[in-house]
């Protein structure tokens, strides 16, 4: 009787197919591309809007507290004039004004600044 069970079990395992797990027929990319070519028409290329390059913001400078107070005063003056501005806008406007100066004006403006220490303060 034990041999009969062993024979039937052997027959079942020999005739039963075990499916392969995780294997799929993969076609090479070149064959797929040859069968489904992508046609680029001038209309489809013209319709896709180009993305503007993202401008990276850099935060890297040292400034004395007195000059931060000056920025606050300029912001208050802008509020009185009906403009609500941010600190960065005040600084950018100052850069624009410096860029429009001639060399002599620029030298005077830079010479009038106090020197500041560069970098972060040391931890105590």
PDB file of N, CA and C in Angstrom:
ATOM      1  N   UNK A   1       0.814  -1.173   0.000  1.00  0.00           N
ATOM      2  CA  UNK A   1       0.000   0.000   0.000  1.00  0.00           C
ATOM      3  C   UNK A   1       0.869   1.253   0.000  1.00  0.00           C
ATOM      4  N   UNK A   2       1.956   1.208   0.731  1.00  0.00           N
ATOM      5  CA  UNK A   2       2.863   2.346   0.774  1.00  0.00           C
ATOM      6  C   UNK A   2       3.466   2.593  -0.593  1.00  0.00           C
ATOM      7  N   UNK A   3       3.722   1.544  -1.340  1.00  0.00           N
ATOM      8  CA  UNK A   3       4.317   1.708  -2.658  1.00  0.00           C
ATOM      9  C   UNK A   3       3.307   2.275  -3.640  1.00  0.00           C
ATOM     10  N   UNK A   4       2.012   1.952  -3.457  1.00  0.00           N
ATOM     11  CA  UNK A   4       0.980   2.500  -4.332  1.00  0.00           C
ATOM     12  C   UNK A   4       0.861   4.002  -4.151  1.00  0.00           C
ATOM     13  N   UNK A   5       0.920   4.475  -2.909  1.00  0.00           N
ATOM     14  CA  UNK A   5       0.849   5.912  -2.651  1.00  0.00           C
ATOM     15  C   UNK A   5       2.060   6.630  -3.244  1.00  0.00           C
ATOM     16  N   UNK A   6       3.197   6.023  -3.131  1.00  0.00           N
ATOM     17  CA  UNK A   6       4.414   6.629  -3.663  1.00  0.00           C
ATOM     18  C   UNK A   6       4.347   6.708  -5.185  1.00  0.00           C
ATOM     19  N   UNK A   7       3.795   5.676  -5.829  1.00  0.00           N
ATOM     20  CA  UNK A   7       3.682   5.662  -7.285  1.00  0.00           C
ATOM     21  C   UNK A   7       2.698   6.722  -7.768  1.00  0.00           C
ATOM     22  N   UNK A   8       1.550   6.868  -7.083  1.00  0.00           N
ATOM     23  CA  UNK A   8       0.569   7.863  -7.513  1.00  0.00           C
ATOM     24  C   UNK A   8       1.103   9.274  -7.296  1.00  0.00           C
ATOM     25  N   UNK A   9       1.837   9.472  -6.212  1.00  0.00           N
ATOM     26  CA  UNK A   9       2.433  10.784  -5.957  1.00  0.00           C
ATOM     27  C   UNK A   9       3.481  11.080  -7.014  1.00  0.00           C
ATOM     28  N   UNK A  10       4.276  10.125  -7.394  1.00  0.00           N
ATOM     29  CA  UNK A  10       5.307  10.306  -8.412  1.00  0.00           C
ATOM     30  C   UNK A  10       4.672  10.607  -9.753  1.00  0.00           C
ATOM     31  N   UNK A  11       3.563   9.940 -10.082  1.00  0.00           N
ATOM     32  CA  UNK A  11       2.870  10.185 -11.339  1.00  0.00           C
ATOM     33  C   UNK A  11       2.305  11.603 -11.374  1.00  0.00           C
ATOM     34  N   UNK A  12       1.727  12.040 -10.245  1.00  0.00           N
ATOM     35  CA  UNK A  12       1.135  13.375 -10.201  1.00  0.00           C
ATOM     36  C   UNK A  12       2.201  14.461 -10.386  1.00  0.00           C
ATOM     37  N   UNK A  13       3.326  14.304  -9.740  1.00  0.00           N
ATOM     38  CA  UNK A  13       4.372  15.319  -9.845  1.00  0.00           C
ATOM     39  C   UNK A  13       5.024  15.293 -11.212  1.00  0.00           C
ATOM     40  N   UNK A  14       5.060  14.158 -11.854  1.00  0.00           N
ATOM     41  CA  UNK A  14       5.668  14.060 -13.178  1.00  0.00           C
ATOM     42  C   UNK A  14       4.760  14.673 -14.230  1.00  0.00           C
ATOM     43  N   UNK A  15       3.447  14.566 -14.067  1.00  0.00           N
ATOM     44  CA  UNK A  15       2.527  15.072 -15.073  1.00  0.00           C
ATOM     45  C   UNK A  15       2.114  16.527 -14.814  1.00  0.00           C
ATOM     46  N   UNK A  16       2.234  16.994 -13.595  1.00  0.00           N
ATOM     47  CA  UNK A  16       1.820  18.350 -13.274  1.00  0.00           C
ATOM     48  C   UNK A  16       2.944  19.322 -13.594  1.00  0.00           C
ATOM     49  N   UNK A  17       2.635  20.385 -14.327  1.00  0.00           N
ATOM     50  CA  UNK A  17       3.638  21.383 -14.667  1.00  0.00           C
ATOM     51  C   UNK A  17       3.573  22.510 -13.637  1.00  0.00           C
ATOM     52  N   UNK A  18       4.709  22.892 -13.175  1.00  0.00           N
ATOM     53  CA  UNK A  18       4.795  23.992 -12.220  1.00  0.00           C
ATOM     54  C   UNK A  18       5.084  25.261 -13.017  1.00  0.00           C
ATOM     55  N   UNK A  19       4.211  26.267 -12.885  1.00  0.00           N
ATOM     56  CA  UNK A  19       4.429  27.487 -13.674  1.00  0.00           C
ATOM     57  C   UNK A  19       5.655  28.248 -13.169  1.00  0.00           C
ATOM     58  N   UNK A  20       6.378  28.865 -14.101  1.00  0.00           N
ATOM     59  CA  UNK A  20       7.563  29.661 -13.750  1.00  0.00           C
ATOM     60  C   UNK A  20       7.088  30.981 -13.142  1.00  0.00           C
ATOM     61  N   UNK A  21       7.660  31.328 -12.028  1.00  0.00           N
ATOM     62  CA  UNK A  21       7.261  32.531 -11.324  1.00  0.00           C
ATOM     63  C   UNK A  21       8.226  33.654 -11.668  1.00  0.00           C
ATOM     64  N   UNK A  22       7.682  34.820 -12.084  1.00  0.00           N
ATOM     65  CA  UNK A  22       8.510  36.002 -12.292  1.00  0.00           C
ATOM     66  C   UNK A  22       9.230  36.034 -13.629  1.00  0.00           C
ATOM     67  N   UNK A  23       8.983  35.111 -14.522  1.00  0.00           N
ATOM     68  CA  UNK A  23       9.639  35.150 -15.820  1.00  0.00           C
ATOM     69  C   UNK A  23       8.609  35.518 -16.872  1.00  0.00           C
ATOM     70  N   UNK A  24       8.958  36.543 -17.646  1.00  0.00           N
ATOM     71  CA  UNK A  24       8.085  36.951 -18.739  1.00  0.00           C
ATOM     72  C   UNK A  24       8.934  37.035 -19.994  1.00  0.00           C
ATOM     73  N   UNK A  25       8.289  36.857 -21.111  1.00  0.00           N
ATOM     74  CA  UNK A  25       9.004  36.995 -22.372  1.00  0.00           C
ATOM     75  C   UNK A  25       9.238  38.485 -22.614  1.00  0.00           C
ATOM     76  N   UNK A  26      10.500  38.872 -22.746  1.00  0.00           N
ATOM     77  CA  UNK A  26      10.843  40.272 -22.933  1.00  0.00           C
ATOM     78  C   UNK A  26      11.402  40.445 -24.331  1.00  0.00           C
ATOM     79  N   UNK A  27      10.801  41.361 -25.079  1.00  0.00           N
ATOM     80  CA  UNK A  27      11.288  41.638 -26.420  1.00  0.00           C
ATOM     81  C   UNK A  27      12.367  42.701 -26.322  1.00  0.00           C
ATOM     82  N   UNK A  28      13.381  42.600 -27.127  1.00  0.00           N
ATOM     83  CA  UNK A  28      14.403  43.643 -27.119  1.00  0.00           C
ATOM     84  C   UNK A  28      13.806  44.991 -27.507  1.00  0.00           C
ATOM     85  N   UNK A  29      14.385  46.032 -26.992  1.00  0.00           N
ATOM     86  CA  UNK A  29      13.876  47.392 -27.217  1.00  0.00           C
ATOM     87  C   UNK A  29      13.946  47.754 -28.693  1.00  0.00           C
ATOM     88  N   UNK A  30      14.970  47.299 -29.384  1.00  0.00           N
ATOM     89  CA  UNK A  30      15.129  47.620 -30.803  1.00  0.00           C
ATOM     90  C   UNK A  30      13.977  47.040 -31.623  1.00  0.00           C
ATOM     91  N   UNK A  31      13.544  45.824 -31.270  1.00  0.00           N
ATOM     92  CA  UNK A  31      12.423  45.216 -31.997  1.00  0.00           C
ATOM     93  C   UNK A  31      11.135  45.987 -31.743  1.00  0.00           C
ATOM     94  N   UNK A  32      10.919  46.397 -30.501  1.00  0.00           N
ATOM     95  CA  UNK A  32       9.710  47.147 -30.176  1.00  0.00           C
ATOM     96  C   UNK A  32       9.707  48.499 -30.888  1.00  0.00           C
ATOM     97  N   UNK A  33      10.858  49.148 -30.950  1.00  0.00           N
ATOM     98  CA  UNK A  33      10.951  50.447 -31.603  1.00  0.00           C
ATOM     99  C   UNK A  33      10.737  50.322 -33.103  1.00  0.00           C
ATOM    100  N   UNK A  34      11.201  49.229 -33.690  1.00  0.00           N
ATOM    101  CA  UNK A  34      11.026  49.016 -35.122  1.00  0.00           C
ATOM    102  C   UNK A  34       9.556  48.787 -35.466  1.00  0.00           C
ATOM    103  N   UNK A  35       8.839  48.108 -34.591  1.00  0.00           N
ATOM    104  CA  UNK A  35       7.425  47.833 -34.835  1.00  0.00           C
ATOM    105  C   UNK A  35       6.557  49.064 -34.621  1.00  0.00           C
ATOM    106  N   UNK A  36       6.902  49.907 -33.659  1.00  0.00           N
ATOM    107  CA  UNK A  36       6.110  51.095 -33.329  1.00  0.00           C
ATOM    108  C   UNK A  36       6.964  52.356 -33.464  1.00  0.00           C
ATOM    109  N   UNK A  37       7.266  52.787 -34.679  1.00  0.00           N
ATOM    110  CA  UNK A  37       8.084  53.990 -34.798  1.00  0.00           C
ATOM    111  C   UNK A  37       7.292  55.234 -34.382  1.00  0.00           C
ATOM    112  N   UNK A  38       7.976  56.157 -33.729  1.00  0.00           N
ATOM    113  CA  UNK A  38       7.354  57.396 -33.286  1.00  0.00           C
ATOM    114  C   UNK A  38       7.642  58.449 -34.331  1.00  0.00           C
ATOM    115  N   UNK A  39       6.591  59.030 -34.852  1.00  0.00           N
ATOM    116  CA  UNK A  39       6.752  60.050 -35.882  1.00  0.00           C
ATOM    117  C   UNK A  39       6.628  61.423 -35.246  1.00  0.00           C
ATOM    118  N   UNK A  40       7.664  62.230 -35.404  1.00  0.00           N
ATOM    119  CA  UNK A  40       7.648  63.590 -34.868  1.00  0.00           C
ATOM    120  C   UNK A  40       7.179  64.532 -35.967  1.00  0.00           C
ATOM    121  N   UNK A  41       6.070  65.166 -35.735  1.00  0.00           N
ATOM    122  CA  UNK A  41       5.556  66.133 -36.697  1.00  0.00           C
ATOM    123  C   UNK A  41       5.860  67.533 -36.200  1.00  0.00           C
ATOM    124  N   UNK A  42       5.996  68.481 -37.096  1.00  0.00           N
ATOM    125  CA  UNK A  42       6.282  69.855 -36.662  1.00  0.00           C
ATOM    126  C   UNK A  42       5.195  70.410 -35.742  1.00  0.00           C
ATOM    127  N   UNK A  43       3.966  69.972 -35.914  1.00  0.00           N
ATOM    128  CA  UNK A  43       2.879  70.463 -35.076  1.00  0.00           C
ATOM    129  C   UNK A  43       3.026  69.980 -33.644  1.00  0.00           C
ATOM    130  N   UNK A  44       3.389  68.709 -33.458  1.00  0.00           N
ATOM    131  CA  UNK A  44       3.508  68.179 -32.094  1.00  0.00           C
ATOM    132  C   UNK A  44       4.701  68.781 -31.372  1.00  0.00           C
ATOM    133  N   UNK A  45       5.765  69.088 -32.100  1.00  0.00           N
ATOM    134  CA  UNK A  45       6.933  69.705 -31.486  1.00  0.00           C
ATOM    135  C   UNK A  45       6.617  71.141 -31.099  1.00  0.00           C
ATOM    136  N   UNK A  46       5.880  71.853 -31.901  1.00  0.00           N
ATOM    137  CA  UNK A  46       5.562  73.253 -31.637  1.00  0.00           C
ATOM    138  C   UNK A  46       4.592  73.404 -30.466  1.00  0.00           C
ATOM    139  N   UNK A  47       3.759  72.420 -30.226  1.00  0.00           N
ATOM    140  CA  UNK A  47       2.753  72.517 -29.168  1.00  0.00           C
ATOM    141  C   UNK A  47       3.338  72.342 -27.777  1.00  0.00           C
ATOM    142  N   UNK A  48       4.450  71.624 -27.636  1.00  0.00           N
ATOM    143  CA  UNK A  48       5.010  71.385 -26.314  1.00  0.00           C
ATOM    144  C   UNK A  48       5.703  72.647 -25.814  1.00  0.00           C
ATOM    145  N   UNK A  49       5.217  73.235 -24.710  1.00  0.00           N
ATOM    146  CA  UNK A  49       5.848  74.454 -24.187  1.00  0.00           C
ATOM    147  C   UNK A  49       7.169  74.123 -23.514  1.00  0.00           C
ATOM    148  N   UNK A  50       8.142  74.989 -23.714  1.00  0.00           N
ATOM    149  CA  UNK A  50       9.443  74.788 -23.078  1.00  0.00           C
ATOM    150  C   UNK A  50       9.386  75.335 -21.665  1.00  0.00           C
ATOM    151  N   UNK A  51       9.972  74.595 -20.724  1.00  0.00           N
ATOM    152  CA  UNK A  51       9.998  75.025 -19.328  1.00  0.00           C
ATOM    153  C   UNK A  51      11.131  76.015 -19.134  1.00  0.00           C
ATOM    154  N   UNK A  52      10.868  77.041 -18.331  1.00  0.00           N
ATOM    155  CA  UNK A  52      11.904  78.003 -18.005  1.00  0.00           C
ATOM    156  C   UNK A  52      12.882  77.346 -17.046  1.00  0.00           C
ATOM    157  N   UNK A  53      14.164  77.633 -17.207  1.00  0.00           N
ATOM    158  CA  UNK A  53      15.115  77.051 -16.256  1.00  0.00           C
ATOM    159  C   UNK A  53      14.889  77.626 -14.867  1.00  0.00           C
ATOM    160  N   UNK A  54      14.938  76.766 -13.877  1.00  0.00           N
ATOM    161  CA  UNK A  54      14.691  77.174 -12.501  1.00  0.00           C
ATOM    162  C   UNK A  54      15.890  77.956 -11.978  1.00  0.00           C
ATOM    163  N   UNK A  55      15.636  79.122 -11.421  1.00  0.00           N
ATOM    164  CA  UNK A  55      16.691  79.965 -10.896  1.00  0.00           C
ATOM    165  C   UNK A  55      16.956  79.563  -9.451  1.00  0.00           C
ATOM    166  N   UNK A  56      18.214  79.252  -9.157  1.00  0.00           N
ATOM    167  CA  UNK A  56      18.574  78.827  -7.815  1.00  0.00           C
ATOM    168  C   UNK A  56      18.783  80.055  -6.932  1.00  0.00           C
ATOM    169  N   UNK A  57      18.256  80.013  -5.727  1.00  0.00           N
ATOM    170  CA  UNK A  57      18.389  81.111  -4.770  1.00  0.00           C
ATOM    171  C   UNK A  57      19.597  80.819  -3.887  1.00  0.00           C
ATOM    172  N   UNK A  58      20.462  81.820  -3.750  1.00  0.00           N
ATOM    173  CA  UNK A  58      21.671  81.666  -2.946  1.00  0.00           C
ATOM    174  C   UNK A  58      21.563  82.588  -1.740  1.00  0.00           C
ATOM    175  N   UNK A  59      21.846  82.062  -0.555  1.00  0.00           N
ATOM    176  CA  UNK A  59      21.830  82.851   0.681  1.00  0.00           C
ATOM    177  C   UNK A  59      23.230  82.792   1.280  1.00  0.00           C
ATOM    178  N   UNK A  60      24.025  83.840   0.965  1.00  0.00           N
ATOM    179  CA  UNK A  60      25.407  83.784   1.397  1.00  0.00           C
ATOM    180  C   UNK A  60      25.987  85.190   1.537  1.00  0.00           C
ATOM    181  N   UNK A  61      25.765  85.836   2.671  1.00  0.00           N
ATOM    182  CA  UNK A  61      26.410  87.116   2.924  1.00  0.00           C
ATOM    183  C   UNK A  61      26.294  87.468   4.396  1.00  0.00           C
ATOM    184  N   UNK A  62      27.136  88.388   4.812  1.00  0.00           N
ATOM    185  CA  UNK A  62      27.121  88.870   6.190  1.00  0.00           C
ATOM    186  C   UNK A  62      26.754  90.345   6.167  1.00  0.00           C
ATOM    187  N   UNK A  63      25.963  90.773   7.144  1.00  0.00           N
ATOM    188  CA  UNK A  63      25.535  92.161   7.185  1.00  0.00           C
ATOM    189  C   UNK A  63      25.384  92.596   8.641  1.00  0.00           C
ATOM    190  N   UNK A  64      25.877  93.787   8.973  1.00  0.00           N
ATOM    191  CA  UNK A  64      25.710  94.289  10.340  1.00  0.00           C
ATOM    192  C   UNK A  64      24.243  94.586  10.653  1.00  0.00           C
ATOM    193  N   UNK A  65      23.892  94.556  11.954  1.00  0.00           N
ATOM    194  CA  UNK A  65      22.513  94.803  12.378  1.00  0.00           C
ATOM    195  C   UNK A  65      22.033  96.195  11.988  1.00  0.00           C
ATOM    196  N   UNK A  66      22.943  97.156  11.966  1.00  0.00           N
ATOM    197  CA  UNK A  66      22.562  98.530  11.602  1.00  0.00           C
ATOM    198  C   UNK A  66      21.990  98.568  10.184  1.00  0.00           C
ATOM    199  N   UNK A  67      22.585  97.792   9.280  1.00  0.00           N
ATOM    200  CA  UNK A  67      22.098  97.769   7.899  1.00  0.00           C
ATOM    201  C   UNK A  67      20.791  96.995   7.778  1.00  0.00           C
ATOM    202  N   UNK A  68      20.578  95.999   8.632  1.00  0.00           N
ATOM    203  CA  UNK A  68      19.271  95.334   8.666  1.00  0.00           C
ATOM    204  C   UNK A  68      18.198  96.337   9.109  1.00  0.00           C
ATOM    205  N   UNK A  69      18.539  97.203  10.064  1.00  0.00           N
ATOM    206  CA  UNK A  69      17.598  98.239  10.498  1.00  0.00           C
ATOM    207  C   UNK A  69      17.308  99.209   9.357  1.00  0.00           C
ATOM    208  N   UNK A  70      18.313  99.495   8.548  1.00  0.00           N
ATOM    209  CA  UNK A  70      18.115 100.389   7.402  1.00  0.00           C
ATOM    210  C   UNK A  70      17.143  99.756   6.406  1.00  0.00           C
ATOM    211  N   UNK A  71      17.242  98.460   6.222  1.00  0.00           N
ATOM    212  CA  UNK A  71      16.298  97.770   5.336  1.00  0.00           C
ATOM    213  C   UNK A  71      14.882  97.899   5.885  1.00  0.00           C
ATOM    214  N   UNK A  72      14.720  97.762   7.204  1.00  0.00           N
ATOM    215  CA  UNK A  72      13.396  97.904   7.825  1.00  0.00           C
ATOM    216  C   UNK A  72      12.862  99.317   7.616  1.00  0.00           C
ATOM    217  N   UNK A  73      13.730 100.320   7.710  1.00  0.00           N
ATOM    218  CA  UNK A  73      13.308 101.706   7.483  1.00  0.00           C
ATOM    219  C   UNK A  73      12.860 101.912   6.035  1.00  0.00           C
ATOM    220  N   UNK A  74      13.596 101.321   5.100  1.00  0.00           N
ATOM    221  CA  UNK A  74      13.218 101.438   3.683  1.00  0.00           C
ATOM    222  C   UNK A  74      11.889 100.739   3.433  1.00  0.00           C
ATOM    223  N   UNK A  75      11.669  99.592   4.074  1.00  0.00           N
ATOM    224  CA  UNK A  75      10.387  98.887   3.929  1.00  0.00           C
ATOM    225  C   UNK A  75       9.234  99.734   4.459  1.00  0.00           C
ATOM    226  N   UNK A  76       9.447 100.423   5.600  1.00  0.00           N
ATOM    227  CA  UNK A  76       8.407 101.302   6.159  1.00  0.00           C
ATOM    228  C   UNK A  76       8.122 102.467   5.216  1.00  0.00           C
ATOM    229  N   UNK A  77       9.164 103.035   4.613  1.00  0.00           N
ATOM    230  CA  UNK A  77       8.984 104.134   3.665  1.00  0.00           C
ATOM    231  C   UNK A  77       8.189 103.661   2.446  1.00  0.00           C
ATOM    232  N   UNK A  78       8.443 102.439   2.014  1.00  0.00           N
ATOM    233  CA  UNK A  78       7.693 101.883   0.884  1.00  0.00           C
ATOM    234  C   UNK A  78       6.231 101.671   1.258  1.00  0.00           C
ATOM    235  N   UNK A  79       5.975 101.223   2.487  1.00  0.00           N
ATOM    236  CA  UNK A  79       4.585 101.039   2.939  1.00  0.00           C
ATOM    237  C   UNK A  79       3.836 102.366   2.943  1.00  0.00           C
ATOM    238  N   UNK A  80       4.511 103.439   3.387  1.00  0.00           N
ATOM    239  CA  UNK A  80       3.880 104.766   3.377  1.00  0.00           C
ATOM    240  C   UNK A  80       3.573 105.220   1.959  1.00  0.00           C
ATOM    241  N   UNK A  81       4.405 104.787   1.002  1.00  0.00           N
ATOM    242  CA  UNK A  81       4.196 105.142  -0.400  1.00  0.00           C
ATOM    243  C   UNK A  81       3.189 104.204  -1.080  1.00  0.00           C
ATOM    244  N   UNK A  82       2.696 103.210  -0.344  1.00  0.00           N
ATOM    245  CA  UNK A  82       1.692 102.308  -0.904  1.00  0.00           C
ATOM    246  C   UNK A  82       2.266 101.037  -1.509  1.00  0.00           C
ATOM    247  N   UNK A  83       3.529 100.759  -1.250  1.00  0.00           N
ATOM    248  CA  UNK A  83       4.165  99.538  -1.764  1.00  0.00           C
ATOM    249  C   UNK A  83       4.495  98.604  -0.618  1.00  0.00           C
ATOM    250  N   UNK A  84       4.116  97.368  -0.758  1.00  0.00           N
ATOM    251  CA  UNK A  84       4.502  96.376   0.234  1.00  0.00           C
ATOM    252  C   UNK A  84       5.645  95.572  -0.387  1.00  0.00           C
ATOM    253  N   UNK A  85       6.844  95.659   0.213  1.00  0.00           N
ATOM    254  CA  UNK A  85       8.022  95.003  -0.349  1.00  0.00           C
ATOM    255  C   UNK A  85       8.631  94.050   0.667  1.00  0.00           C
ATOM    256  N   UNK A  86       9.381  93.120   0.156  1.00  0.00           N
ATOM    257  CA  UNK A  86      10.114  92.170   0.996  1.00  0.00           C
ATOM    258  C   UNK A  86      11.563  92.622   1.099  1.00  0.00           C
ATOM    259  N   UNK A  87      12.266  92.074   2.069  1.00  0.00           N
ATOM    260  CA  UNK A  87      13.674  92.411   2.271  1.00  0.00           C
ATOM    261  C   UNK A  87      14.479  92.109   1.020  1.00  0.00           C
ATOM    262  N   UNK A  88      14.213  90.963   0.396  1.00  0.00           N
ATOM    263  CA  UNK A  88      14.965  90.590  -0.805  1.00  0.00           C
ATOM    264  C   UNK A  88      14.719  91.575  -1.939  1.00  0.00           C
ATOM    265  N   UNK A  89      13.505  92.115  -2.024  1.00  0.00           N
ATOM    266  CA  UNK A  89      13.209  93.092  -3.075  1.00  0.00           C
ATOM    267  C   UNK A  89      13.966  94.398  -2.839  1.00  0.00           C
ATOM    268  N   UNK A  90      14.106  94.793  -1.575  1.00  0.00           N
ATOM    269  CA  UNK A  90      14.874  95.996  -1.250  1.00  0.00           C
ATOM    270  C   UNK A  90      16.335  95.793  -1.645  1.00  0.00           C
ATOM    271  N   UNK A  91      16.885  94.633  -1.317  1.00  0.00           N
ATOM    272  CA  UNK A  91      18.270  94.344  -1.656  1.00  0.00           C
ATOM    273  C   UNK A  91      18.475  94.282  -3.165  1.00  0.00           C
ATOM    274  N   UNK A  92      17.553  93.676  -3.872  1.00  0.00           N
ATOM    275  CA  UNK A  92      17.665  93.587  -5.331  1.00  0.00           C
ATOM    276  C   UNK A  92      17.551  94.955  -5.979  1.00  0.00           C
ATOM    277  N   UNK A  93      16.691  95.824  -5.438  1.00  0.00           N
ATOM    278  CA  UNK A  93      16.583  97.196  -5.959  1.00  0.00           C
ATOM    279  C   UNK A  93      17.893  97.947  -5.728  1.00  0.00           C
ATOM    280  N   UNK A  94      18.518  97.713  -4.560  1.00  0.00           N
ATOM    281  CA  UNK A  94      19.817  98.332  -4.289  1.00  0.00           C
ATOM    282  C   UNK A  94      20.881  97.865  -5.261  1.00  0.00           C
ATOM    283  N   UNK A  95      20.866  96.586  -5.598  1.00  0.00           N
ATOM    284  CA  UNK A  95      21.817  96.058  -6.579  1.00  0.00           C
ATOM    285  C   UNK A  95      21.592  96.673  -7.952  1.00  0.00           C
ATOM    286  N   UNK A  96      20.327  96.853  -8.294  1.00  0.00           N
ATOM    287  CA  UNK A  96      20.018  97.472  -9.586  1.00  0.00           C
ATOM    288  C   UNK A  96      20.542  98.906  -9.612  1.00  0.00           C
ATOM    289  N   UNK A  97      20.343  99.639  -8.503  1.00  0.00           N
ATOM    290  CA  UNK A  97      20.832 101.016  -8.432  1.00  0.00           C
ATOM    291  C   UNK A  97      22.353 101.056  -8.515  1.00  0.00           C
ATOM    292  N   UNK A  98      23.039 100.143  -7.850  1.00  0.00           N
ATOM    293  CA  UNK A  98      24.505 100.073  -7.927  1.00  0.00           C
ATOM    294  C   UNK A  98      24.966  99.748  -9.350  1.00  0.00           C
ATOM    295  N   UNK A  99      24.248  98.901 -10.015  1.00  0.00           N
ATOM    296  CA  UNK A  99      24.597  98.526 -11.387  1.00  0.00           C
ATOM    297  C   UNK A  99      24.473  99.680 -12.370  1.00  0.00           C
ATOM    298  N   UNK A 100      23.630 100.648 -12.062  1.00  0.00           N
ATOM    299  CA  UNK A 100      23.426 101.789 -12.956  1.00  0.00           C
ATOM    300  C   UNK A 100      24.422 102.924 -12.688  1.00  0.00           C
ATOM    301  N   UNK A 101      25.246 102.813 -11.633  1.00  0.00           N
ATOM    302  CA  UNK A 101      26.216 103.860 -11.298  1.00  0.00           C
ATOM    303  C   UNK A 101      27.445 103.768 -12.202  1.00  0.00           C
ATOM    304  N   UNK A 102      28.119 104.925 -12.379  1.00  0.00           N
ATOM    305  CA  UNK A 102      29.398 104.894 -13.086  1.00  0.00           C
ATOM    306  C   UNK A 102      30.484 104.496 -12.090  1.00  0.00           C
ATOM    307  N   UNK A 103      31.713 104.362 -12.557  1.00  0.00           N
ATOM    308  CA  UNK A 103      32.795 103.861 -11.701  1.00  0.00           C
ATOM    309  C   UNK A 103      33.061 104.752 -10.495  1.00  0.00           C
ATOM    310  N   UNK A 104      33.049 106.059 -10.681  1.00  0.00           N
ATOM    311  CA  UNK A 104      33.354 106.988  -9.586  1.00  0.00           C
ATOM    312  C   UNK A 104      32.280 106.904  -8.497  1.00  0.00           C
ATOM    313  N   UNK A 105      31.015 106.864  -8.891  1.00  0.00           N
ATOM    314  CA  UNK A 105      29.916 106.750  -7.925  1.00  0.00           C
ATOM    315  C   UNK A 105      29.989 105.419  -7.185  1.00  0.00           C
ATOM    316  N   UNK A 106      30.294 104.362  -7.900  1.00  0.00           N
ATOM    317  CA  UNK A 106      30.379 103.034  -7.307  1.00  0.00           C
ATOM    318  C   UNK A 106      31.515 102.966  -6.292  1.00  0.00           C
ATOM    319  N   UNK A 107      32.675 103.547  -6.622  1.00  0.00           N
ATOM    320  CA  UNK A 107      33.808 103.564  -5.690  1.00  0.00           C
ATOM    321  C   UNK A 107      33.447 104.302  -4.405  1.00  0.00           C
ATOM    322  N   UNK A 108      32.758 105.437  -4.516  1.00  0.00           N
ATOM    323  CA  UNK A 108      32.354 106.199  -3.320  1.00  0.00           C
ATOM    324  C   UNK A 108      31.383 105.398  -2.468  1.00  0.00           C
ATOM    325  N   UNK A 109      30.427 104.734  -3.106  1.00  0.00           N
ATOM    326  CA  UNK A 109      29.430 103.959  -2.361  1.00  0.00           C
ATOM    327  C   UNK A 109      30.086 102.797  -1.613  1.00  0.00           C
ATOM    328  N   UNK A 110      31.003 102.098  -2.262  1.00  0.00           N
ATOM    329  CA  UNK A 110      31.660 100.949  -1.645  1.00  0.00           C
ATOM    330  C   UNK A 110      32.635 101.408  -0.562  1.00  0.00           C
ATOM    331  N   UNK A 111      33.329 102.513  -0.794  1.00  0.00           N
ATOM    332  CA  UNK A 111      34.295 103.019   0.186  1.00  0.00           C
ATOM    333  C   UNK A 111      33.599 103.464   1.474  1.00  0.00           C
ATOM    334  N   UNK A 112      32.355 103.868   1.399  1.00  0.00           N
ATOM    335  CA  UNK A 112      31.615 104.323   2.568  1.00  0.00           C
ATOM    336  C   UNK A 112      31.101 103.206   3.470  1.00  0.00           C
ATOM    337  N   UNK A 113      31.271 101.960   3.055  1.00  0.00           N
ATOM    338  CA  UNK A 113      30.796 100.825   3.850  1.00  0.00           C
ATOM    339  C   UNK A 113      31.827 100.419   4.893  1.00  0.00           C
ATOM    340  N   UNK A 114      31.344  99.984   6.036  1.00  0.00           N
ATOM    341  CA  UNK A 114      32.229  99.439   7.075  1.00  0.00           C
ATOM    342  C   UNK A 114      32.547  97.989   6.723  1.00  0.00           C
ATOM    343  N   UNK A 115      33.748  97.551   7.026  1.00  0.00           N
ATOM    344  CA  UNK A 115      34.148  96.167   6.766  1.00  0.00           C
ATOM    345  C   UNK A 115      33.491  95.247   7.784  1.00  0.00           C
ATOM    346  N   UNK A 116      33.059  94.090   7.338  1.00  0.00           N
ATOM    347  CA  UNK A 116      32.435  93.101   8.226  1.00  0.00           C
ATOM    348  C   UNK A 116      33.250  91.817   8.213  1.00  0.00           C
ATOM    349  N   UNK A 117      33.091  91.037   9.265  1.00  0.00           N
ATOM    350  CA  UNK A 117      33.752  89.734   9.339  1.00  0.00           C
ATOM    351  C   UNK A 117      33.010  88.765   8.434  1.00  0.00           C
ATOM    352  N   UNK A 118      33.758  87.951   7.755  1.00  0.00           N
ATOM    353  CA  UNK A 118      33.170  86.992   6.823  1.00  0.00           C
ATOM    354  C   UNK A 118      32.962  85.662   7.537  1.00  0.00           C
ATOM    355  N   UNK A 119      31.846  85.007   7.264  1.00  0.00           N
ATOM    356  CA  UNK A 119      31.587  83.681   7.806  1.00  0.00           C
ATOM    357  C   UNK A 119      30.668  83.689   9.004  1.00  0.00           C
ATOM    358  N   UNK A 120      30.393  82.526   9.495  1.00  0.00           N
ATOM    359  CA  UNK A 120      29.517  82.351  10.659  1.00  0.00           C
ATOM    360  C   UNK A 120      30.310  82.512  11.940  1.00  0.00           C
ATOM    361  N   UNK A 121      29.671  82.992  13.009  1.00  0.00           N
ATOM    362  CA  UNK A 121      30.393  83.111  14.286  1.00  0.00           C
ATOM    363  C   UNK A 121      30.717  81.729  14.848  1.00  0.00           C
ATOM    364  N   UNK A 122      31.809  81.644  15.602  1.00  0.00           N
ATOM    365  CA  UNK A 122      32.217  80.360  16.187  1.00  0.00           C
ATOM    366  C   UNK A 122      31.264  79.998  17.330  1.00  0.00           C
ATOM    367  N   UNK A 123      31.021  78.693  17.481  1.00  0.00           N
ATOM    368  CA  UNK A 123      30.151  78.209  18.541  1.00  0.00           C
ATOM    369  C   UNK A 123      30.900  78.269  19.873  1.00  0.00           C
ATOM    370  N   UNK A 124      30.203  78.686  20.912  1.00  0.00           N
ATOM    371  CA  UNK A 124      30.839  78.816  22.229  1.00  0.00           C
ATOM    372  C   UNK A 124      30.882  77.513  22.975  1.00  0.00           C
TER     373      UNK A 124
END
